[in-house]
């Protein structure tokens, strides 16, 4: 997908959040089977991300998790997440985790809200677990996924308040 189309789609998604129908209304356009399939596929993509992240596999995250391009919506504005930027971000995070007893991460009952046949938000709590089985941290995250020719890919990690997850209501 060309960046202009991609950026326009993300912009419309963000701008339309104020006047858009609720997630429940958007999801009502799908049959139960279609909705279940998309949710299962997004959860499987998220589980791949969790597994690759837990292995501290930057190359796997770049090649199998993130869309190219991705988008970062942060305090400094919007930036394009090229493979090099994604790799640098995760290398830094993995270096930080190497200073702890981090072993793996666990998603806690993620919620998937289907926006369109090719876009969904997955939100939930996840835990970073130490080598001895104790919890290093419990965090909340929401992820925008899009369906590409290579499967469901992460477009951006959406910030939010700690402990608050996106629901489909």
N, C-alpha and C. Protein backbone atom coordinates (compact mmCIF):
# COMPACT_ATOMS: atom_id res chain seq x y z
N UNK A 1 0.85 -1.15 0.00
CA UNK A 1 0.00 0.00 0.00
C UNK A 1 0.90 1.22 0.00
N UNK A 2 0.60 2.16 -0.83
CA UNK A 2 1.39 3.38 -0.89
C UNK A 2 1.20 4.17 0.40
N UNK A 3 2.25 4.90 0.80
CA UNK A 3 2.20 5.59 2.08
C UNK A 3 1.07 6.60 2.14
N UNK A 4 0.83 7.36 1.07
CA UNK A 4 -0.24 8.36 1.11
C UNK A 4 -1.58 7.71 1.40
N UNK A 5 -1.86 6.59 0.75
CA UNK A 5 -3.11 5.88 1.02
C UNK A 5 -3.14 5.37 2.45
N UNK A 6 -2.02 4.85 2.89
CA UNK A 6 -1.91 4.32 4.24
C UNK A 6 -2.12 5.44 5.26
N UNK A 7 -1.42 6.57 5.08
CA UNK A 7 -1.55 7.68 6.02
C UNK A 7 -2.96 8.24 6.01
N UNK A 8 -3.57 8.30 4.83
CA UNK A 8 -4.95 8.80 4.75
C UNK A 8 -5.89 7.86 5.50
N UNK A 9 -5.68 6.56 5.36
CA UNK A 9 -6.54 5.59 6.05
C UNK A 9 -6.40 5.71 7.57
N UNK A 10 -5.17 5.84 8.05
CA UNK A 10 -4.95 6.01 9.49
C UNK A 10 -5.55 7.32 9.95
N UNK A 11 -5.35 8.39 9.18
CA UNK A 11 -5.92 9.69 9.53
C UNK A 11 -7.42 9.64 9.61
N UNK A 12 -8.06 9.01 8.64
CA UNK A 12 -9.52 8.88 8.68
C UNK A 12 -9.97 8.06 9.87
N UNK A 13 -9.24 7.00 10.16
CA UNK A 13 -9.58 6.16 11.31
C UNK A 13 -9.52 6.98 12.60
N UNK A 14 -8.46 7.73 12.78
CA UNK A 14 -8.30 8.52 13.99
C UNK A 14 -9.32 9.66 14.03
N UNK A 15 -9.45 10.40 12.92
CA UNK A 15 -10.38 11.53 12.88
C UNK A 15 -11.83 11.08 12.98
N UNK A 16 -12.13 9.94 12.41
CA UNK A 16 -13.50 9.44 12.42
C UNK A 16 -13.94 8.85 13.73
N UNK A 17 -13.02 8.68 14.66
CA UNK A 17 -13.37 8.07 15.94
C UNK A 17 -14.42 8.87 16.69
N UNK A 18 -14.46 10.18 16.48
CA UNK A 18 -15.41 11.02 17.20
C UNK A 18 -16.83 10.79 16.69
N UNK A 19 -16.99 10.68 15.37
CA UNK A 19 -18.33 10.58 14.80
C UNK A 19 -18.66 9.19 14.28
N UNK A 20 -17.74 8.26 14.38
CA UNK A 20 -17.95 6.92 13.84
C UNK A 20 -18.94 6.14 14.68
N UNK A 21 -19.60 5.17 14.04
CA UNK A 21 -20.48 4.31 14.83
C UNK A 21 -19.67 3.54 15.87
N UNK A 22 -20.34 3.05 16.88
CA UNK A 22 -19.65 2.29 17.92
C UNK A 22 -19.06 1.02 17.32
N UNK A 23 -18.12 0.43 18.06
CA UNK A 23 -17.55 -0.84 17.60
C UNK A 23 -18.65 -1.88 17.43
N UNK A 24 -19.58 -1.90 18.36
CA UNK A 24 -20.68 -2.88 18.28
C UNK A 24 -21.48 -2.68 17.00
N UNK A 25 -21.75 -1.42 16.63
CA UNK A 25 -22.47 -1.15 15.39
C UNK A 25 -21.64 -1.56 14.17
N UNK A 26 -20.34 -1.28 14.20
CA UNK A 26 -19.48 -1.65 13.08
C UNK A 26 -19.42 -3.17 12.95
N UNK A 27 -19.34 -3.86 14.07
CA UNK A 27 -19.22 -5.31 14.01
C UNK A 27 -20.52 -5.98 13.59
N UNK A 28 -21.64 -5.28 13.70
CA UNK A 28 -22.92 -5.89 13.32
C UNK A 28 -23.04 -6.11 11.82
N UNK A 29 -22.14 -5.52 11.03
CA UNK A 29 -22.16 -5.72 9.59
C UNK A 29 -21.63 -7.09 9.18
N UNK A 30 -21.03 -7.82 10.12
CA UNK A 30 -20.43 -9.11 9.84
C UNK A 30 -21.32 -10.24 10.33
N UNK A 31 -21.23 -11.39 9.66
CA UNK A 31 -21.90 -12.57 10.20
C UNK A 31 -21.09 -13.03 11.42
N UNK A 32 -21.70 -13.85 12.23
CA UNK A 32 -20.99 -14.36 13.42
C UNK A 32 -19.74 -15.12 13.00
N UNK A 33 -19.83 -15.87 11.92
CA UNK A 33 -18.68 -16.65 11.45
C UNK A 33 -17.56 -15.74 10.95
N UNK A 34 -17.91 -14.68 10.21
CA UNK A 34 -16.90 -13.73 9.71
C UNK A 34 -16.20 -13.04 10.88
N UNK A 35 -16.98 -12.61 11.83
CA UNK A 35 -16.44 -11.92 13.00
C UNK A 35 -15.51 -12.84 13.79
N UNK A 36 -15.94 -14.06 14.00
CA UNK A 36 -15.12 -15.03 14.74
C UNK A 36 -13.81 -15.31 14.02
N UNK A 37 -13.85 -15.41 12.69
CA UNK A 37 -12.64 -15.70 11.90
C UNK A 37 -11.65 -14.55 12.00
N UNK A 38 -12.13 -13.31 11.82
CA UNK A 38 -11.24 -12.16 11.90
C UNK A 38 -10.63 -12.07 13.29
N UNK A 39 -11.45 -12.20 14.32
CA UNK A 39 -10.94 -12.12 15.69
C UNK A 39 -9.90 -13.20 15.97
N UNK A 40 -10.16 -14.41 15.50
CA UNK A 40 -9.20 -15.50 15.70
C UNK A 40 -7.90 -15.23 14.96
N UNK A 41 -8.00 -14.70 13.74
CA UNK A 41 -6.80 -14.40 12.96
C UNK A 41 -5.97 -13.29 13.61
N UNK A 42 -6.63 -12.25 14.13
CA UNK A 42 -5.91 -11.16 14.79
C UNK A 42 -5.28 -11.66 16.09
N UNK A 43 -6.00 -12.48 16.84
CA UNK A 43 -5.42 -13.04 18.07
C UNK A 43 -4.20 -13.92 17.74
N UNK A 44 -4.28 -14.66 16.65
CA UNK A 44 -3.14 -15.50 16.23
C UNK A 44 -1.95 -14.62 15.86
N UNK A 45 -2.20 -13.51 15.17
CA UNK A 45 -1.11 -12.58 14.82
C UNK A 45 -0.51 -11.98 16.09
N UNK A 46 -1.36 -11.63 17.04
CA UNK A 46 -0.88 -11.07 18.31
C UNK A 46 -0.08 -12.12 19.09
N UNK A 47 -0.51 -13.37 19.04
CA UNK A 47 0.23 -14.43 19.72
C UNK A 47 1.60 -14.62 19.07
N UNK A 48 1.65 -14.51 17.73
CA UNK A 48 2.96 -14.56 17.06
C UNK A 48 3.85 -13.43 17.55
N UNK A 49 3.27 -12.24 17.66
CA UNK A 49 4.02 -11.08 18.16
C UNK A 49 4.54 -11.37 19.57
N UNK A 50 3.69 -11.88 20.45
CA UNK A 50 4.09 -12.18 21.82
C UNK A 50 5.23 -13.19 21.85
N UNK A 51 5.10 -14.23 21.03
CA UNK A 51 6.13 -15.27 20.98
C UNK A 51 7.45 -14.72 20.45
N UNK A 52 7.40 -13.94 19.38
CA UNK A 52 8.61 -13.37 18.78
C UNK A 52 9.23 -12.34 19.73
N UNK A 53 8.38 -11.53 20.38
CA UNK A 53 8.87 -10.56 21.36
C UNK A 53 9.56 -11.28 22.51
N UNK A 54 8.93 -12.32 23.03
CA UNK A 54 9.51 -13.06 24.16
C UNK A 54 10.85 -13.66 23.81
N UNK A 55 11.04 -13.99 22.53
CA UNK A 55 12.32 -14.53 22.07
C UNK A 55 13.34 -13.41 21.80
N UNK A 56 12.89 -12.16 21.97
CA UNK A 56 13.74 -10.98 21.72
C UNK A 56 14.31 -11.01 20.31
N UNK A 57 13.45 -11.34 19.36
CA UNK A 57 13.83 -11.52 17.96
C UNK A 57 13.47 -10.27 17.15
N UNK A 58 14.37 -9.30 17.12
CA UNK A 58 14.12 -8.06 16.40
C UNK A 58 13.84 -8.33 14.93
N UNK A 59 14.62 -9.17 14.31
CA UNK A 59 14.43 -9.46 12.88
C UNK A 59 13.04 -10.06 12.64
N UNK A 60 12.61 -10.95 13.51
CA UNK A 60 11.28 -11.55 13.37
C UNK A 60 10.18 -10.50 13.51
N UNK A 61 10.36 -9.56 14.43
CA UNK A 61 9.36 -8.50 14.61
C UNK A 61 9.28 -7.64 13.35
N UNK A 62 10.44 -7.29 12.80
CA UNK A 62 10.46 -6.47 11.58
C UNK A 62 9.82 -7.22 10.42
N UNK A 63 10.16 -8.49 10.25
CA UNK A 63 9.72 -9.24 9.07
C UNK A 63 8.35 -9.89 9.20
N UNK A 64 7.91 -10.20 10.42
CA UNK A 64 6.68 -10.99 10.58
C UNK A 64 5.58 -10.30 11.38
N UNK A 65 5.88 -9.18 12.04
CA UNK A 65 4.90 -8.56 12.92
C UNK A 65 4.43 -7.21 12.40
N UNK A 66 5.34 -6.31 12.13
CA UNK A 66 4.97 -4.94 11.75
C UNK A 66 4.65 -4.83 10.27
N UNK A 67 3.64 -4.00 9.97
CA UNK A 67 3.36 -3.62 8.59
C UNK A 67 4.49 -2.71 8.13
N UNK A 68 4.74 -2.68 6.86
CA UNK A 68 5.75 -1.79 6.31
C UNK A 68 5.08 -0.94 5.24
N UNK A 69 4.83 0.34 5.50
CA UNK A 69 5.26 1.06 6.69
C UNK A 69 4.27 0.92 7.83
N UNK A 70 4.75 1.19 9.02
CA UNK A 70 3.90 1.33 10.19
C UNK A 70 3.86 2.80 10.56
N UNK A 71 3.14 3.10 11.61
CA UNK A 71 2.99 4.50 12.04
C UNK A 71 3.25 4.57 13.54
N UNK A 72 3.94 5.60 13.97
CA UNK A 72 4.10 5.89 15.39
C UNK A 72 3.32 7.16 15.69
N UNK A 73 2.40 7.06 16.64
CA UNK A 73 1.63 8.22 17.09
C UNK A 73 2.09 8.52 18.50
N UNK A 74 3.04 9.44 18.62
CA UNK A 74 3.61 9.69 19.94
C UNK A 74 3.58 11.16 20.31
N UNK A 75 4.23 11.47 21.41
CA UNK A 75 4.28 12.84 21.92
C UNK A 75 4.92 13.79 20.92
N UNK A 76 5.79 13.26 20.07
CA UNK A 76 6.47 14.10 19.07
C UNK A 76 5.74 14.13 17.74
N UNK A 77 4.51 13.64 17.71
CA UNK A 77 3.73 13.65 16.48
C UNK A 77 3.70 12.30 15.81
N UNK A 78 3.42 12.31 14.53
CA UNK A 78 3.30 11.09 13.74
C UNK A 78 4.59 10.87 12.96
N UNK A 79 5.09 9.65 13.00
CA UNK A 79 6.25 9.32 12.17
C UNK A 79 6.04 7.96 11.54
N UNK A 80 6.66 7.79 10.41
CA UNK A 80 6.58 6.53 9.68
C UNK A 80 7.55 5.55 10.32
N UNK A 81 7.06 4.36 10.60
CA UNK A 81 7.89 3.31 11.20
C UNK A 81 8.44 2.42 10.09
N UNK A 82 9.59 2.78 9.58
CA UNK A 82 10.28 1.96 8.58
C UNK A 82 10.88 0.75 9.29
N UNK A 83 11.28 -0.26 8.54
CA UNK A 83 11.92 -1.42 9.19
C UNK A 83 13.11 -1.04 10.07
N UNK A 84 13.92 -0.07 9.64
CA UNK A 84 15.07 0.36 10.45
C UNK A 84 14.62 0.98 11.77
N UNK A 85 13.56 1.80 11.74
CA UNK A 85 13.07 2.43 12.97
C UNK A 85 12.45 1.40 13.90
N UNK A 86 11.73 0.42 13.34
CA UNK A 86 11.14 -0.64 14.16
C UNK A 86 12.26 -1.43 14.83
N UNK A 87 13.29 -1.79 14.05
CA UNK A 87 14.42 -2.54 14.60
C UNK A 87 15.11 -1.76 15.72
N UNK A 88 15.34 -0.47 15.51
CA UNK A 88 16.00 0.34 16.54
C UNK A 88 15.16 0.42 17.80
N UNK A 89 13.84 0.58 17.64
CA UNK A 89 12.96 0.67 18.80
C UNK A 89 13.01 -0.63 19.62
N UNK A 90 12.92 -1.78 18.95
CA UNK A 90 12.93 -3.05 19.68
C UNK A 90 14.31 -3.40 20.21
N UNK A 91 15.36 -3.07 19.47
CA UNK A 91 16.71 -3.31 20.00
C UNK A 91 16.90 -2.57 21.32
N UNK A 92 16.44 -1.31 21.37
CA UNK A 92 16.55 -0.54 22.61
C UNK A 92 15.73 -1.14 23.73
N UNK A 93 14.52 -1.59 23.41
CA UNK A 93 13.67 -2.20 24.42
C UNK A 93 14.29 -3.50 24.93
N UNK A 94 14.81 -4.32 24.01
CA UNK A 94 15.42 -5.59 24.42
C UNK A 94 16.69 -5.36 25.25
N UNK A 95 17.45 -4.30 24.95
CA UNK A 95 18.62 -3.98 25.76
C UNK A 95 18.19 -3.60 27.18
N UNK A 96 17.10 -2.88 27.28
CA UNK A 96 16.57 -2.50 28.59
C UNK A 96 16.10 -3.74 29.36
N UNK A 97 15.39 -4.63 28.68
CA UNK A 97 14.90 -5.85 29.33
C UNK A 97 16.05 -6.77 29.74
N UNK A 98 17.16 -6.73 29.01
CA UNK A 98 18.32 -7.57 29.34
C UNK A 98 18.90 -7.22 30.71
N UNK A 99 18.61 -6.02 31.20
CA UNK A 99 19.10 -5.59 32.51
C UNK A 99 18.20 -6.09 33.64
N UNK A 100 17.14 -6.82 33.29
CA UNK A 100 16.21 -7.37 34.28
C UNK A 100 16.27 -8.89 34.20
N UNK A 101 15.39 -9.55 34.94
CA UNK A 101 15.28 -11.01 34.87
C UNK A 101 14.17 -11.44 33.90
N UNK A 102 13.79 -10.56 32.96
CA UNK A 102 12.70 -10.84 32.03
C UNK A 102 12.92 -12.16 31.31
N UNK A 103 11.81 -12.93 31.22
CA UNK A 103 11.85 -14.21 30.50
C UNK A 103 10.87 -14.23 29.33
N UNK A 104 9.61 -13.84 29.57
CA UNK A 104 8.61 -13.89 28.51
C UNK A 104 7.42 -13.00 28.86
N UNK A 105 6.54 -12.83 27.89
CA UNK A 105 5.32 -12.04 28.10
C UNK A 105 4.09 -12.92 27.92
N UNK A 106 3.00 -12.50 28.54
CA UNK A 106 1.73 -13.23 28.48
C UNK A 106 0.62 -12.21 28.24
N UNK A 107 -0.23 -12.45 27.23
CA UNK A 107 -1.42 -11.63 27.04
C UNK A 107 -2.51 -12.15 27.96
N UNK A 108 -3.27 -11.24 28.54
CA UNK A 108 -4.35 -11.60 29.45
C UNK A 108 -5.69 -11.29 28.77
N UNK A 109 -6.32 -12.30 28.17
CA UNK A 109 -7.64 -12.18 27.56
C UNK A 109 -7.79 -10.95 26.66
N UNK A 110 -7.03 -10.88 25.56
CA UNK A 110 -7.13 -9.71 24.69
C UNK A 110 -8.51 -9.59 24.04
N UNK A 111 -8.93 -8.35 23.86
CA UNK A 111 -10.20 -8.04 23.22
C UNK A 111 -9.89 -7.61 21.79
N UNK A 112 -10.61 -8.15 20.82
CA UNK A 112 -10.44 -7.73 19.43
C UNK A 112 -11.73 -7.07 18.97
N UNK A 113 -11.60 -5.83 18.50
CA UNK A 113 -12.73 -5.08 17.94
C UNK A 113 -12.49 -4.96 16.44
N UNK A 114 -13.39 -5.50 15.65
CA UNK A 114 -13.25 -5.50 14.20
C UNK A 114 -13.81 -4.18 13.66
N UNK A 115 -13.00 -3.48 12.89
CA UNK A 115 -13.41 -2.21 12.31
C UNK A 115 -13.92 -2.39 10.88
N UNK A 116 -13.18 -3.16 10.10
CA UNK A 116 -13.50 -3.46 8.70
C UNK A 116 -13.00 -4.87 8.44
N UNK A 117 -13.24 -5.43 7.27
CA UNK A 117 -12.70 -6.77 7.00
C UNK A 117 -11.17 -6.82 7.05
N UNK A 118 -10.50 -5.66 6.98
CA UNK A 118 -9.04 -5.65 6.96
C UNK A 118 -8.41 -4.81 8.06
N UNK A 119 -9.19 -4.35 9.04
CA UNK A 119 -8.65 -3.54 10.13
C UNK A 119 -9.32 -3.93 11.44
N UNK A 120 -8.50 -4.05 12.48
CA UNK A 120 -9.02 -4.40 13.81
C UNK A 120 -8.11 -3.82 14.88
N UNK A 121 -8.71 -3.58 16.03
CA UNK A 121 -7.94 -3.16 17.20
C UNK A 121 -7.96 -4.31 18.20
N UNK A 122 -6.77 -4.65 18.69
CA UNK A 122 -6.66 -5.63 19.77
C UNK A 122 -6.18 -4.88 20.99
N UNK A 123 -6.84 -5.09 22.11
CA UNK A 123 -6.50 -4.37 23.33
C UNK A 123 -6.54 -5.32 24.52
N UNK A 124 -5.69 -5.05 25.48
CA UNK A 124 -5.72 -5.86 26.68
C UNK A 124 -4.51 -5.62 27.55
N UNK A 125 -4.48 -6.37 28.63
CA UNK A 125 -3.36 -6.31 29.55
C UNK A 125 -2.39 -7.42 29.17
N UNK A 126 -1.14 -7.15 29.41
CA UNK A 126 -0.15 -8.20 29.26
C UNK A 126 0.83 -8.10 30.40
N UNK A 127 1.44 -9.22 30.67
CA UNK A 127 2.40 -9.28 31.77
C UNK A 127 3.76 -9.66 31.23
N UNK A 128 4.76 -9.02 31.78
CA UNK A 128 6.14 -9.44 31.54
C UNK A 128 6.53 -10.27 32.75
N UNK A 129 6.99 -11.49 32.47
CA UNK A 129 7.27 -12.47 33.51
C UNK A 129 8.78 -12.67 33.64
N UNK A 130 9.26 -12.71 34.88
CA UNK A 130 10.67 -12.96 35.16
C UNK A 130 10.99 -14.45 35.03
N UNK A 131 12.27 -14.74 35.01
CA UNK A 131 12.75 -16.13 34.90
C UNK A 131 12.26 -17.00 36.04
N UNK A 132 12.05 -16.41 37.22
CA UNK A 132 11.58 -17.19 38.37
C UNK A 132 10.06 -17.30 38.43
N UNK A 133 9.36 -16.78 37.41
CA UNK A 133 7.90 -16.88 37.36
C UNK A 133 7.16 -15.72 37.98
N UNK A 134 7.87 -14.81 38.65
CA UNK A 134 7.21 -13.64 39.21
C UNK A 134 6.95 -12.61 38.11
N UNK A 135 6.03 -11.70 38.40
CA UNK A 135 5.67 -10.69 37.42
C UNK A 135 6.62 -9.50 37.50
N UNK A 136 7.23 -9.17 36.38
CA UNK A 136 8.07 -7.99 36.28
C UNK A 136 7.21 -6.74 36.14
N UNK A 137 6.17 -6.83 35.30
CA UNK A 137 5.28 -5.68 35.07
C UNK A 137 3.98 -6.16 34.45
N UNK A 138 2.91 -5.42 34.75
CA UNK A 138 1.65 -5.62 34.04
C UNK A 138 1.35 -4.31 33.33
N UNK A 139 1.15 -4.41 32.04
CA UNK A 139 0.96 -3.23 31.20
C UNK A 139 -0.33 -3.36 30.40
N UNK A 140 -0.81 -2.25 29.90
CA UNK A 140 -1.99 -2.23 29.04
C UNK A 140 -1.56 -1.71 27.68
N UNK A 141 -2.05 -2.33 26.63
CA UNK A 141 -1.70 -1.88 25.28
C UNK A 141 -2.87 -2.13 24.34
N UNK A 142 -2.93 -1.30 23.31
CA UNK A 142 -3.88 -1.49 22.22
C UNK A 142 -3.09 -1.42 20.93
N UNK A 143 -3.44 -2.28 20.00
CA UNK A 143 -2.70 -2.41 18.75
C UNK A 143 -3.68 -2.29 17.58
N UNK A 144 -3.32 -1.50 16.57
CA UNK A 144 -4.09 -1.46 15.34
C UNK A 144 -3.44 -2.44 14.38
N UNK A 145 -4.24 -3.40 13.92
CA UNK A 145 -3.78 -4.39 12.95
C UNK A 145 -4.46 -4.16 11.62
N UNK A 146 -3.75 -4.48 10.54
CA UNK A 146 -4.33 -4.45 9.21
C UNK A 146 -3.97 -5.74 8.49
N UNK A 147 -4.86 -6.18 7.62
CA UNK A 147 -4.62 -7.41 6.87
C UNK A 147 -3.87 -7.05 5.60
N UNK A 148 -2.69 -7.64 5.43
CA UNK A 148 -1.86 -7.39 4.26
C UNK A 148 -1.79 -8.67 3.43
N UNK A 149 -1.07 -8.62 2.33
CA UNK A 149 -0.87 -9.83 1.53
C UNK A 149 -0.13 -10.90 2.32
N UNK A 150 0.62 -10.50 3.33
CA UNK A 150 1.38 -11.43 4.17
C UNK A 150 0.67 -11.80 5.46
N UNK A 151 -0.60 -11.43 5.58
CA UNK A 151 -1.36 -11.72 6.79
C UNK A 151 -1.57 -10.48 7.63
N UNK A 152 -2.07 -10.67 8.83
CA UNK A 152 -2.36 -9.55 9.73
C UNK A 152 -1.05 -8.98 10.28
N UNK A 153 -0.90 -7.67 10.17
CA UNK A 153 0.32 -7.01 10.62
C UNK A 153 -0.03 -5.84 11.54
N UNK A 154 0.86 -5.57 12.46
CA UNK A 154 0.74 -4.47 13.39
C UNK A 154 1.04 -3.15 12.66
N UNK A 155 0.13 -2.19 12.76
CA UNK A 155 0.32 -0.88 12.14
C UNK A 155 0.85 0.11 13.16
N UNK A 156 0.28 0.09 14.35
CA UNK A 156 0.73 1.00 15.40
C UNK A 156 0.32 0.46 16.76
N UNK A 157 1.06 0.87 17.75
CA UNK A 157 0.70 0.60 19.14
C UNK A 157 0.06 1.88 19.66
N UNK A 158 -1.17 1.77 20.09
CA UNK A 158 -1.92 2.94 20.54
C UNK A 158 -1.73 3.15 22.03
N UNK A 159 -1.40 4.36 22.41
CA UNK A 159 -1.23 4.68 23.82
C UNK A 159 -2.58 4.73 24.52
N UNK A 160 -2.55 4.64 25.79
CA UNK A 160 -3.78 4.70 26.58
C UNK A 160 -3.45 4.81 28.04
N UNK A 161 -4.48 4.86 28.83
CA UNK A 161 -4.28 4.94 30.27
C UNK A 161 -3.97 3.56 30.83
N UNK A 162 -3.05 3.49 31.77
CA UNK A 162 -2.73 2.20 32.38
C UNK A 162 -3.97 1.54 32.96
N UNK A 163 -4.13 0.28 32.66
CA UNK A 163 -5.26 -0.49 33.19
C UNK A 163 -6.54 -0.37 32.40
N UNK A 164 -6.61 0.54 31.44
CA UNK A 164 -7.84 0.72 30.66
C UNK A 164 -7.66 0.11 29.29
N UNK A 165 -8.58 -0.76 28.93
CA UNK A 165 -8.51 -1.41 27.62
C UNK A 165 -9.66 -0.90 26.75
N UNK A 166 -9.47 -1.02 25.45
CA UNK A 166 -10.51 -0.69 24.49
C UNK A 166 -11.51 -1.83 24.52
N UNK A 167 -12.79 -1.50 24.58
CA UNK A 167 -13.82 -2.52 24.52
C UNK A 167 -14.62 -2.35 23.24
N UNK A 168 -15.36 -3.33 22.87
CA UNK A 168 -16.11 -3.29 21.61
C UNK A 168 -17.54 -2.81 21.82
N UNK A 169 -17.86 -2.27 22.98
CA UNK A 169 -19.21 -1.78 23.27
C UNK A 169 -19.47 -0.47 22.58
